[in-house]
Amino acid sequence: MNIEMVAKALKELGHKTRLSIYKQVVKAGQQGISVGDIQEELSIPGSTLSHHISGLSQADLIHQRREGRTLFCIANYQHLEDVIDFLKDECCVGDSIN
């Protein structure tokens, strides 16, 4: 994991709406959550939601799966773990964190 990838992920998660979307996606587990369900849960206009999902996808925090006409968002848990590990390993050197 390089610093550019971590910075991109943190930038995307640093926005209130994207963090709210990501929270819904992570909570959904491996089966994912439909874009429609995210939109309904968070009351976000479709075009705005699409813009934010695109940013999360470009940061490799989520990926999407289509089933018929339904688009699902699934968290990339490994990438999230890699970001957290990077922060612990690179930014907390010298501190004892358990």
PDB file of N, CA and C in Angstrom:
ATOM      1  N   MET A   1       0.864  -1.177   0.000  1.00  0.00           N
ATOM      2  CA  MET A   1       0.000   0.000   0.000  1.00  0.00           C
ATOM      3  C   MET A   1       0.901   1.227   0.000  1.00  0.00           C
ATOM      4  N   ASN A   2       0.621   2.139  -0.933  1.00  0.00           N
ATOM      5  CA  ASN A   2       1.426   3.353  -0.980  1.00  0.00           C
ATOM      6  C   ASN A   2       0.639   4.546  -0.453  1.00  0.00           C
ATOM      7  N   ILE A   3       1.356   5.602  -0.184  1.00  0.00           N
ATOM      8  CA  ILE A   3       0.758   6.770   0.460  1.00  0.00           C
ATOM      9  C   ILE A   3      -0.320   7.427  -0.411  1.00  0.00           C
ATOM     10  N   GLU A   4      -0.173   7.366  -1.739  1.00  0.00           N
ATOM     11  CA  GLU A   4      -1.174   7.949  -2.631  1.00  0.00           C
ATOM     12  C   GLU A   4      -2.510   7.217  -2.512  1.00  0.00           C
ATOM     13  N   MET A   5      -2.458   5.894  -2.423  1.00  0.00           N
ATOM     14  CA  MET A   5      -3.688   5.106  -2.297  1.00  0.00           C
ATOM     15  C   MET A   5      -4.373   5.376  -0.957  1.00  0.00           C
ATOM     16  N   VAL A   6      -3.594   5.479   0.082  1.00  0.00           N
ATOM     17  CA  VAL A   6      -4.145   5.753   1.413  1.00  0.00           C
ATOM     18  C   VAL A   6      -4.761   7.152   1.433  1.00  0.00           C
ATOM     19  N   ALA A   7      -4.062   8.109   0.860  1.00  0.00           N
ATOM     20  CA  ALA A   7      -4.567   9.484   0.831  1.00  0.00           C
ATOM     21  C   ALA A   7      -5.881   9.563   0.067  1.00  0.00           C
ATOM     22  N   LYS A   8      -5.989   8.853  -1.047  1.00  0.00           N
ATOM     23  CA  LYS A   8      -7.230   8.845  -1.842  1.00  0.00           C
ATOM     24  C   LYS A   8      -8.373   8.248  -1.024  1.00  0.00           C
ATOM     25  N   ALA A   9      -8.122   7.132  -0.344  1.00  0.00           N
ATOM     26  CA  ALA A   9      -9.160   6.499   0.470  1.00  0.00           C
ATOM     27  C   ALA A   9      -9.607   7.425   1.598  1.00  0.00           C
ATOM     28  N   LEU A  10      -8.661   8.038   2.263  1.00  0.00           N
ATOM     29  CA  LEU A  10      -8.994   8.926   3.374  1.00  0.00           C
ATOM     30  C   LEU A  10      -9.727  10.180   2.888  1.00  0.00           C
ATOM     31  N   LYS A  11      -9.352  10.671   1.714  1.00  0.00           N
ATOM     32  CA  LYS A  11     -10.043  11.822   1.133  1.00  0.00           C
ATOM     33  C   LYS A  11     -11.501  11.488   0.890  1.00  0.00           C
ATOM     34  N   GLU A  12     -11.751  10.327   0.309  1.00  0.00           N
ATOM     35  CA  GLU A  12     -13.128   9.928   0.025  1.00  0.00           C
ATOM     36  C   GLU A  12     -13.921   9.728   1.308  1.00  0.00           C
ATOM     37  N   LEU A  13     -13.309   9.125   2.295  1.00  0.00           N
ATOM     38  CA  LEU A  13     -13.998   8.879   3.563  1.00  0.00           C
ATOM     39  C   LEU A  13     -14.127  10.144   4.412  1.00  0.00           C
ATOM     40  N   GLY A  14     -13.394  11.178   4.051  1.00  0.00           N
ATOM     41  CA  GLY A  14     -13.430  12.425   4.798  1.00  0.00           C
ATOM     42  C   GLY A  14     -14.622  13.309   4.472  1.00  0.00           C
ATOM     43  N   HIS A  15     -15.476  12.861   3.583  1.00  0.00           N
ATOM     44  CA  HIS A  15     -16.680  13.611   3.224  1.00  0.00           C
ATOM     45  C   HIS A  15     -17.885  12.971   3.920  1.00  0.00           C
ATOM     46  N   LYS A  16     -18.694  13.786   4.569  1.00  0.00           N
ATOM     47  CA  LYS A  16     -19.810  13.290   5.384  1.00  0.00           C
ATOM     48  C   LYS A  16     -20.745  12.354   4.608  1.00  0.00           C
ATOM     49  N   THR A  17     -21.120  12.726   3.415  1.00  0.00           N
ATOM     50  CA  THR A  17     -22.049  11.902   2.635  1.00  0.00           C
ATOM     51  C   THR A  17     -21.405  10.592   2.223  1.00  0.00           C
ATOM     52  N   ARG A  18     -20.160  10.651   1.750  1.00  0.00           N
ATOM     53  CA  ARG A  18     -19.481   9.413   1.336  1.00  0.00           C
ATOM     54  C   ARG A  18     -19.246   8.495   2.526  1.00  0.00           C
ATOM     55  N   LEU A  19     -18.928   9.066   3.673  1.00  0.00           N
ATOM     56  CA  LEU A  19     -18.743   8.241   4.866  1.00  0.00           C
ATOM     57  C   LEU A  19     -20.064   7.574   5.258  1.00  0.00           C
ATOM     58  N   SER A  20     -21.165   8.279   5.133  1.00  0.00           N
ATOM     59  CA  SER A  20     -22.477   7.697   5.425  1.00  0.00           C
ATOM     60  C   SER A  20     -22.810   6.563   4.461  1.00  0.00           C
ATOM     61  N   ILE A  21     -22.493   6.767   3.187  1.00  0.00           N
ATOM     62  CA  ILE A  21     -22.709   5.712   2.185  1.00  0.00           C
ATOM     63  C   ILE A  21     -21.839   4.508   2.519  1.00  0.00           C
ATOM     64  N   TYR A  22     -20.570   4.761   2.786  1.00  0.00           N
ATOM     65  CA  TYR A  22     -19.636   3.668   3.079  1.00  0.00           C
ATOM     66  C   TYR A  22     -20.070   2.892   4.311  1.00  0.00           C
ATOM     67  N   LYS A  23     -20.555   3.581   5.302  1.00  0.00           N
ATOM     68  CA  LYS A  23     -21.052   2.926   6.511  1.00  0.00           C
ATOM     69  C   LYS A  23     -22.178   1.951   6.165  1.00  0.00           C
ATOM     70  N   GLN A  24     -23.101   2.368   5.309  1.00  0.00           N
ATOM     71  CA  GLN A  24     -24.193   1.482   4.895  1.00  0.00           C
ATOM     72  C   GLN A  24     -23.664   0.265   4.142  1.00  0.00           C
ATOM     73  N   VAL A  25     -22.698   0.500   3.275  1.00  0.00           N
ATOM     74  CA  VAL A  25     -22.128  -0.595   2.473  1.00  0.00           C
ATOM     75  C   VAL A  25     -21.388  -1.587   3.367  1.00  0.00           C
ATOM     76  N   VAL A  26     -20.590  -1.098   4.283  1.00  0.00           N
ATOM     77  CA  VAL A  26     -19.832  -1.978   5.179  1.00  0.00           C
ATOM     78  C   VAL A  26     -20.785  -2.797   6.048  1.00  0.00           C
ATOM     79  N   LYS A  27     -21.805  -2.156   6.571  1.00  0.00           N
ATOM     80  CA  LYS A  27     -22.778  -2.851   7.424  1.00  0.00           C
ATOM     81  C   LYS A  27     -23.527  -3.948   6.672  1.00  0.00           C
ATOM     82  N   ALA A  28     -23.659  -3.795   5.366  1.00  0.00           N
ATOM     83  CA  ALA A  28     -24.406  -4.773   4.560  1.00  0.00           C
ATOM     84  C   ALA A  28     -23.685  -6.109   4.441  1.00  0.00           C
ATOM     85  N   GLY A  29     -22.389  -6.134   4.686  1.00  0.00           N
ATOM     86  CA  GLY A  29     -21.640  -7.388   4.601  1.00  0.00           C
ATOM     87  C   GLY A  29     -21.288  -7.757   3.173  1.00  0.00           C
ATOM     88  N   GLN A  30     -20.881  -8.999   3.000  1.00  0.00           N
ATOM     89  CA  GLN A  30     -20.385  -9.486   1.704  1.00  0.00           C
ATOM     90  C   GLN A  30     -21.457  -9.515   0.616  1.00  0.00           C
ATOM     91  N   GLN A  31     -22.733  -9.596   0.991  1.00  0.00           N
ATOM     92  CA  GLN A  31     -23.787  -9.630  -0.026  1.00  0.00           C
ATOM     93  C   GLN A  31     -24.010  -8.253  -0.644  1.00  0.00           C
ATOM     94  N   GLY A  32     -23.570  -7.194   0.051  1.00  0.00           N
ATOM     95  CA  GLY A  32     -23.711  -5.846  -0.471  1.00  0.00           C
ATOM     96  C   GLY A  32     -25.088  -5.268  -0.218  1.00  0.00           C
ATOM     97  N   ILE A  33     -25.281  -4.077  -0.715  1.00  0.00           N
ATOM     98  CA  ILE A  33     -26.540  -3.355  -0.571  1.00  0.00           C
ATOM     99  C   ILE A  33     -26.860  -2.690  -1.908  1.00  0.00           C
ATOM    100  N   SER A  34     -28.126  -2.684  -2.263  1.00  0.00           N
ATOM    101  CA  SER A  34     -28.501  -2.081  -3.540  1.00  0.00           C
ATOM    102  C   SER A  34     -28.384  -0.563  -3.457  1.00  0.00           C
ATOM    103  N   VAL A  35     -28.094   0.039  -4.590  1.00  0.00           N
ATOM    104  CA  VAL A  35     -27.998   1.486  -4.671  1.00  0.00           C
ATOM    105  C   VAL A  35     -29.335   2.105  -4.263  1.00  0.00           C
ATOM    106  N   GLY A  36     -30.428   1.473  -4.666  1.00  0.00           N
ATOM    107  CA  GLY A  36     -31.751   1.964  -4.296  1.00  0.00           C
ATOM    108  C   GLY A  36     -31.969   1.980  -2.793  1.00  0.00           C
ATOM    109  N   ASP A  37     -31.480   0.944  -2.111  1.00  0.00           N
ATOM    110  CA  ASP A  37     -31.609   0.900  -0.651  1.00  0.00           C
ATOM    111  C   ASP A  37     -30.771   1.990   0.019  1.00  0.00           C
ATOM    112  N   ILE A  38     -29.581   2.242  -0.517  1.00  0.00           N
ATOM    113  CA  ILE A  38     -28.742   3.319   0.017  1.00  0.00           C
ATOM    114  C   ILE A  38     -29.467   4.649  -0.173  1.00  0.00           C
ATOM    115  N   GLN A  39     -29.997   4.845  -1.362  1.00  0.00           N
ATOM    116  CA  GLN A  39     -30.678   6.097  -1.667  1.00  0.00           C
ATOM    117  C   GLN A  39     -31.871   6.304  -0.734  1.00  0.00           C
ATOM    118  N   GLU A  40     -32.642   5.255  -0.520  1.00  0.00           N
ATOM    119  CA  GLU A  40     -33.804   5.350   0.361  1.00  0.00           C
ATOM    120  C   GLU A  40     -33.393   5.609   1.810  1.00  0.00           C
ATOM    121  N   GLU A  41     -32.384   4.888   2.263  1.00  0.00           N
ATOM    122  CA  GLU A  41     -31.932   5.018   3.654  1.00  0.00           C
ATOM    123  C   GLU A  41     -31.388   6.412   3.962  1.00  0.00           C
ATOM    124  N   LEU A  42     -30.642   6.974   3.017  1.00  0.00           N
ATOM    125  CA  LEU A  42     -29.962   8.245   3.264  1.00  0.00           C
ATOM    126  C   LEU A  42     -30.657   9.449   2.636  1.00  0.00           C
ATOM    127  N   SER A  43     -31.728   9.198   1.877  1.00  0.00           N
ATOM    128  CA  SER A  43     -32.478  10.285   1.212  1.00  0.00           C
ATOM    129  C   SER A  43     -31.558  11.173   0.374  1.00  0.00           C
ATOM    130  N   ILE A  44     -30.790  10.531  -0.501  1.00  0.00           N
ATOM    131  CA  ILE A  44     -29.845  11.232  -1.368  1.00  0.00           C
ATOM    132  C   ILE A  44     -30.382  11.179  -2.799  1.00  0.00           C
ATOM    133  N   PRO A  45     -30.394  12.294  -3.515  1.00  0.00           N
ATOM    134  CA  PRO A  45     -30.798  12.258  -4.928  1.00  0.00           C
ATOM    135  C   PRO A  45     -29.908  11.303  -5.726  1.00  0.00           C
ATOM    136  N   GLY A  46     -30.482  10.648  -6.720  1.00  0.00           N
ATOM    137  CA  GLY A  46     -29.758   9.645  -7.502  1.00  0.00           C
ATOM    138  C   GLY A  46     -28.466  10.124  -8.111  1.00  0.00           C
ATOM    139  N   SER A  47     -28.477  11.313  -8.701  1.00  0.00           N
ATOM    140  CA  SER A  47     -27.255  11.814  -9.347  1.00  0.00           C
ATOM    141  C   SER A  47     -26.166  12.101  -8.315  1.00  0.00           C
ATOM    142  N   THR A  48     -26.549  12.599  -7.163  1.00  0.00           N
ATOM    143  CA  THR A  48     -25.587  12.859  -6.088  1.00  0.00           C
ATOM    144  C   THR A  48     -25.017  11.552  -5.569  1.00  0.00           C
ATOM    145  N   LEU A  49     -25.878  10.570  -5.377  1.00  0.00           N
ATOM    146  CA  LEU A  49     -25.434   9.263  -4.891  1.00  0.00           C
ATOM    147  C   LEU A  49     -24.461   8.634  -5.877  1.00  0.00           C
ATOM    148  N   SER A  50     -24.792   8.700  -7.153  1.00  0.00           N
ATOM    149  CA  SER A  50     -23.919   8.145  -8.183  1.00  0.00           C
ATOM    150  C   SER A  50     -22.539   8.790  -8.146  1.00  0.00           C
ATOM    151  N   HIS A  51     -22.498  10.093  -7.978  1.00  0.00           N
ATOM    152  CA  HIS A  51     -21.224  10.822  -7.897  1.00  0.00           C
ATOM    153  C   HIS A  51     -20.391  10.327  -6.711  1.00  0.00           C
ATOM    154  N   HIS A  52     -21.018  10.175  -5.560  1.00  0.00           N
ATOM    155  CA  HIS A  52     -20.291   9.748  -4.369  1.00  0.00           C
ATOM    156  C   HIS A  52     -19.858   8.283  -4.456  1.00  0.00           C
ATOM    157  N   ILE A  53     -20.692   7.442  -5.006  1.00  0.00           N
ATOM    158  CA  ILE A  53     -20.330   6.039  -5.180  1.00  0.00           C
ATOM    159  C   ILE A  53     -19.149   5.914  -6.138  1.00  0.00           C
ATOM    160  N   SER A  54     -19.135   6.734  -7.165  1.00  0.00           N
ATOM    161  CA  SER A  54     -18.022   6.724  -8.114  1.00  0.00           C
ATOM    162  C   SER A  54     -16.703   7.040  -7.412  1.00  0.00           C
ATOM    163  N   GLY A  55     -16.708   8.025  -6.534  1.00  0.00           N
ATOM    164  CA  GLY A  55     -15.497   8.371  -5.789  1.00  0.00           C
ATOM    165  C   GLY A  55     -15.026   7.241  -4.898  1.00  0.00           C
ATOM    166  N   LEU A  56     -15.961   6.595  -4.209  1.00  0.00           N
ATOM    167  CA  LEU A  56     -15.598   5.467  -3.344  1.00  0.00           C
ATOM    168  C   LEU A  56     -15.060   4.299  -4.161  1.00  0.00           C
ATOM    169  N   SER A  57     -15.645   4.094  -5.331  1.00  0.00           N
ATOM    170  CA  SER A  57     -15.187   3.024  -6.212  1.00  0.00           C
ATOM    171  C   SER A  57     -13.792   3.315  -6.766  1.00  0.00           C
ATOM    172  N   GLN A  58     -13.550   4.555  -7.173  1.00  0.00           N
ATOM    173  CA  GLN A  58     -12.230   4.936  -7.698  1.00  0.00           C
ATOM    174  C   GLN A  58     -11.147   4.813  -6.631  1.00  0.00           C
ATOM    175  N   ALA A  59     -11.536   4.968  -5.373  1.00  0.00           N
ATOM    176  CA  ALA A  59     -10.582   4.814  -4.271  1.00  0.00           C
ATOM    177  C   ALA A  59     -10.445   3.355  -3.859  1.00  0.00           C
ATOM    178  N   ASP A  60     -11.111   2.460  -4.578  1.00  0.00           N
ATOM    179  CA  ASP A  60     -11.069   1.016  -4.335  1.00  0.00           C
ATOM    180  C   ASP A  60     -11.653   0.629  -2.972  1.00  0.00           C
ATOM    181  N   LEU A  61     -12.531   1.461  -2.446  1.00  0.00           N
ATOM    182  CA  LEU A  61     -13.172   1.150  -1.171  1.00  0.00           C
ATOM    183  C   LEU A  61     -14.404   0.278  -1.364  1.00  0.00           C
ATOM    184  N   ILE A  62     -15.013   0.367  -2.536  1.00  0.00           N
ATOM    185  CA  ILE A  62     -16.168  -0.477  -2.859  1.00  0.00           C
ATOM    186  C   ILE A  62     -16.037  -0.969  -4.287  1.00  0.00           C
ATOM    187  N   HIS A  63     -16.784  -2.028  -4.579  1.00  0.00           N
ATOM    188  CA  HIS A  63     -16.974  -2.433  -5.966  1.00  0.00           C
ATOM    189  C   HIS A  63     -18.461  -2.692  -6.152  1.00  0.00           C
ATOM    190  N   GLN A  64     -18.871  -2.834  -7.406  1.00  0.00           N
ATOM    191  CA  GLN A  64     -20.281  -2.990  -7.694  1.00  0.00           C
ATOM    192  C   GLN A  64     -20.543  -4.276  -8.446  1.00  0.00           C
ATOM    193  N   ARG A  65     -21.759  -4.788  -8.236  1.00  0.00           N
ATOM    194  CA  ARG A  65     -22.218  -6.011  -8.900  1.00  0.00           C
ATOM    195  C   ARG A  65     -23.628  -5.751  -9.392  1.00  0.00           C
ATOM    196  N   ARG A  66     -23.892  -6.148 -10.618  1.00  0.00           N
ATOM    197  CA  ARG A  66     -25.224  -5.980 -11.183  1.00  0.00           C
ATOM    198  C   ARG A  66     -25.942  -7.327 -11.197  1.00  0.00           C
ATOM    199  N   GLU A  67     -27.178  -7.307 -10.708  1.00  0.00           N
ATOM    200  CA  GLU A  67     -28.066  -8.468 -10.788  1.00  0.00           C
ATOM    201  C   GLU A  67     -29.341  -8.006 -11.466  1.00  0.00           C
ATOM    202  N   GLY A  68     -29.478  -8.346 -12.740  1.00  0.00           N
ATOM    203  CA  GLY A  68     -30.614  -7.848 -13.500  1.00  0.00           C
ATOM    204  C   GLY A  68     -30.538  -6.343 -13.608  1.00  0.00           C
ATOM    205  N   ARG A  69     -31.558  -5.677 -13.097  1.00  0.00           N
ATOM    206  CA  ARG A  69     -31.591  -4.214 -13.153  1.00  0.00           C
ATOM    207  C   ARG A  69     -31.098  -3.573 -11.861  1.00  0.00           C
ATOM    208  N   THR A  70     -30.705  -4.396 -10.904  1.00  0.00           N
ATOM    209  CA  THR A  70     -30.298  -3.883  -9.594  1.00  0.00           C
ATOM    210  C   THR A  70     -28.780  -3.841  -9.485  1.00  0.00           C
ATOM    211  N   LEU A  71     -28.279  -2.709  -9.041  1.00  0.00           N
ATOM    212  CA  LEU A  71     -26.845  -2.522  -8.850  1.00  0.00           C
ATOM    213  C   LEU A  71     -26.553  -2.567  -7.354  1.00  0.00           C
ATOM    214  N   PHE A  72     -25.635  -3.424  -6.961  1.00  0.00           N
ATOM    215  CA  PHE A  72     -25.249  -3.587  -5.562  1.00  0.00           C
ATOM    216  C   PHE A  72     -23.857  -3.017  -5.332  1.00  0.00           C
ATOM    217  N   CYS A  73     -23.656  -2.435  -4.167  1.00  0.00           N
ATOM    218  CA  CYS A  73     -22.348  -1.960  -3.736  1.00  0.00           C
ATOM    219  C   CYS A  73     -21.837  -2.904  -2.655  1.00  0.00           C
ATOM    220  N   ILE A  74     -20.587  -3.315  -2.780  1.00  0.00           N
ATOM    221  CA  ILE A  74     -19.965  -4.234  -1.831  1.00  0.00           C
ATOM    222  C   ILE A  74     -18.658  -3.605  -1.358  1.00  0.00           C
ATOM    223  N   ALA A  75     -18.436  -3.634  -0.062  1.00  0.00           N
ATOM    224  CA  ALA A  75     -17.210  -3.073   0.495  1.00  0.00           C
ATOM    225  C   ALA A  75     -16.006  -3.928   0.128  1.00  0.00           C
ATOM    226  N   ASN A  76     -14.903  -3.265  -0.153  1.00  0.00           N
ATOM    227  CA  ASN A  76     -13.629  -3.943  -0.348  1.00  0.00           C
ATOM    228  C   ASN A  76     -12.944  -3.951   1.022  1.00  0.00           C
ATOM    229  N   TYR A  77     -13.294  -4.945   1.817  1.00  0.00           N
ATOM    230  CA  TYR A  77     -12.813  -5.009   3.198  1.00  0.00           C
ATOM    231  C   TYR A  77     -11.297  -5.092   3.276  1.00  0.00           C
ATOM    232  N   GLN A  78     -10.671  -5.782   2.328  1.00  0.00           N
ATOM    233  CA  GLN A  78      -9.213  -5.904   2.347  1.00  0.00           C
ATOM    234  C   GLN A  78      -8.554  -4.546   2.179  1.00  0.00           C
ATOM    235  N   HIS A  79      -9.094  -3.720   1.303  1.00  0.00           N
ATOM    236  CA  HIS A  79      -8.514  -2.392   1.099  1.00  0.00           C
ATOM    237  C   HIS A  79      -8.659  -1.547   2.364  1.00  0.00           C
ATOM    238  N   LEU A  80      -9.813  -1.637   3.010  1.00  0.00           N
ATOM    239  CA  LEU A  80     -10.015  -0.915   4.268  1.00  0.00           C
ATOM    240  C   LEU A  80      -9.000  -1.369   5.310  1.00  0.00           C
ATOM    241  N   GLU A  81      -8.802  -2.672   5.424  1.00  0.00           N
ATOM    242  CA  GLU A  81      -7.812  -3.198   6.367  1.00  0.00           C
ATOM    243  C   GLU A  81      -6.414  -2.708   6.021  1.00  0.00           C
ATOM    244  N   ASP A  82      -6.100  -2.661   4.720  1.00  0.00           N
ATOM    245  CA  ASP A  82      -4.783  -2.186   4.291  1.00  0.00           C
ATOM    246  C   ASP A  82      -4.568  -0.715   4.665  1.00  0.00           C
ATOM    247  N   VAL A  83      -5.604   0.097   4.515  1.00  0.00           N
ATOM    248  CA  VAL A  83      -5.513   1.510   4.892  1.00  0.00           C
ATOM    249  C   VAL A  83      -5.270   1.635   6.392  1.00  0.00           C
ATOM    250  N   ILE A  84      -6.032   0.890   7.171  1.00  0.00           N
ATOM    251  CA  ILE A  84      -5.879   0.930   8.631  1.00  0.00           C
ATOM    252  C   ILE A  84      -4.495   0.434   9.031  1.00  0.00           C
ATOM    253  N   ASP A  85      -4.043  -0.650   8.417  1.00  0.00           N
ATOM    254  CA  ASP A  85      -2.703  -1.174   8.720  1.00  0.00           C
ATOM    255  C   ASP A  85      -1.622  -0.165   8.358  1.00  0.00           C
ATOM    256  N   PHE A  86      -1.785   0.509   7.224  1.00  0.00           N
ATOM    257  CA  PHE A  86      -0.820   1.530   6.831  1.00  0.00           C
ATOM    258  C   PHE A  86      -0.738   2.613   7.903  1.00  0.00           C
ATOM    259  N   LEU A  87      -1.894   3.074   8.353  1.00  0.00           N
ATOM    260  CA  LEU A  87      -1.910   4.110   9.381  1.00  0.00           C
ATOM    261  C   LEU A  87      -1.229   3.635  10.658  1.00  0.00           C
ATOM    262  N   LYS A  88      -1.511   2.406  11.061  1.00  0.00           N
ATOM    263  CA  LYS A  88      -0.893   1.876  12.277  1.00  0.00           C
ATOM    264  C   LYS A  88       0.607   1.699  12.109  1.00  0.00           C
ATOM    265  N   ASP A  89       1.011   1.155  10.958  1.00  0.00           N
ATOM    266  CA  ASP A  89       2.424   0.840  10.739  1.00  0.00           C
ATOM    267  C   ASP A  89       3.276   2.067  10.424  1.00  0.00           C
ATOM    268  N   GLU A  90       2.729   2.995   9.666  1.00  0.00           N
ATOM    269  CA  GLU A  90       3.519   4.123   9.183  1.00  0.00           C
ATOM    270  C   GLU A  90       3.341   5.399   9.998  1.00  0.00           C
ATOM    271  N   CYS A  91       2.184   5.568  10.576  1.00  0.00           N
ATOM    272  CA  CYS A  91       1.885   6.835  11.262  1.00  0.00           C
ATOM    273  C   CYS A  91       1.965   6.733  12.770  1.00  0.00           C
ATOM    274  N   CYS A  92       1.990   5.548  13.281  1.00  0.00           N
ATOM    275  CA  CYS A  92       1.992   5.368  14.734  1.00  0.00           C
ATOM    276  C   CYS A  92       3.298   4.726  15.216  1.00  0.00           C
ATOM    277  N   VAL A  93       4.335   4.820  14.398  1.00  0.00           N
ATOM    278  CA  VAL A  93       5.621   4.247  14.770  1.00  0.00           C
ATOM    279  C   VAL A  93       6.111   4.891  16.058  1.00  0.00           C
ATOM    280  N   GLY A  94       6.491   4.051  16.974  1.00  0.00           N
ATOM    281  CA  GLY A  94       6.985   4.536  18.236  1.00  0.00           C
ATOM    282  C   GLY A  94       5.942   4.583  19.323  1.00  0.00           C
ATOM    283  N   ASP A  95       4.672   4.534  18.942  1.00  0.00           N
ATOM    284  CA  ASP A  95       3.604   4.505  19.925  1.00  0.00           C
ATOM    285  C   ASP A  95       3.197   3.061  20.152  1.00  0.00           C
ATOM    286  N   SER A  96       2.798   2.748  21.348  1.00  0.00           N
ATOM    287  CA  SER A  96       2.312   1.403  21.622  1.00  0.00           C
ATOM    288  C   SER A  96       0.795   1.413  21.508  1.00  0.00           C
ATOM    289  N   ILE A  97       0.314   0.758  20.456  1.00  0.00           N
ATOM    290  CA  ILE A  97      -1.126   0.656  20.196  1.00  0.00           C
ATOM    291  C   ILE A  97      -1.503  -0.815  20.239  1.00  0.00           C
ATOM    292  N   ASN A  98      -2.487  -1.120  20.997  1.00  0.00           N
ATOM    293  CA  ASN A  98      -2.958  -2.505  21.086  1.00  0.00           C
ATOM    294  C   ASN A  98      -4.349  -2.600  20.563  1.00  0.00           C
TER     295      ASN A  98
END
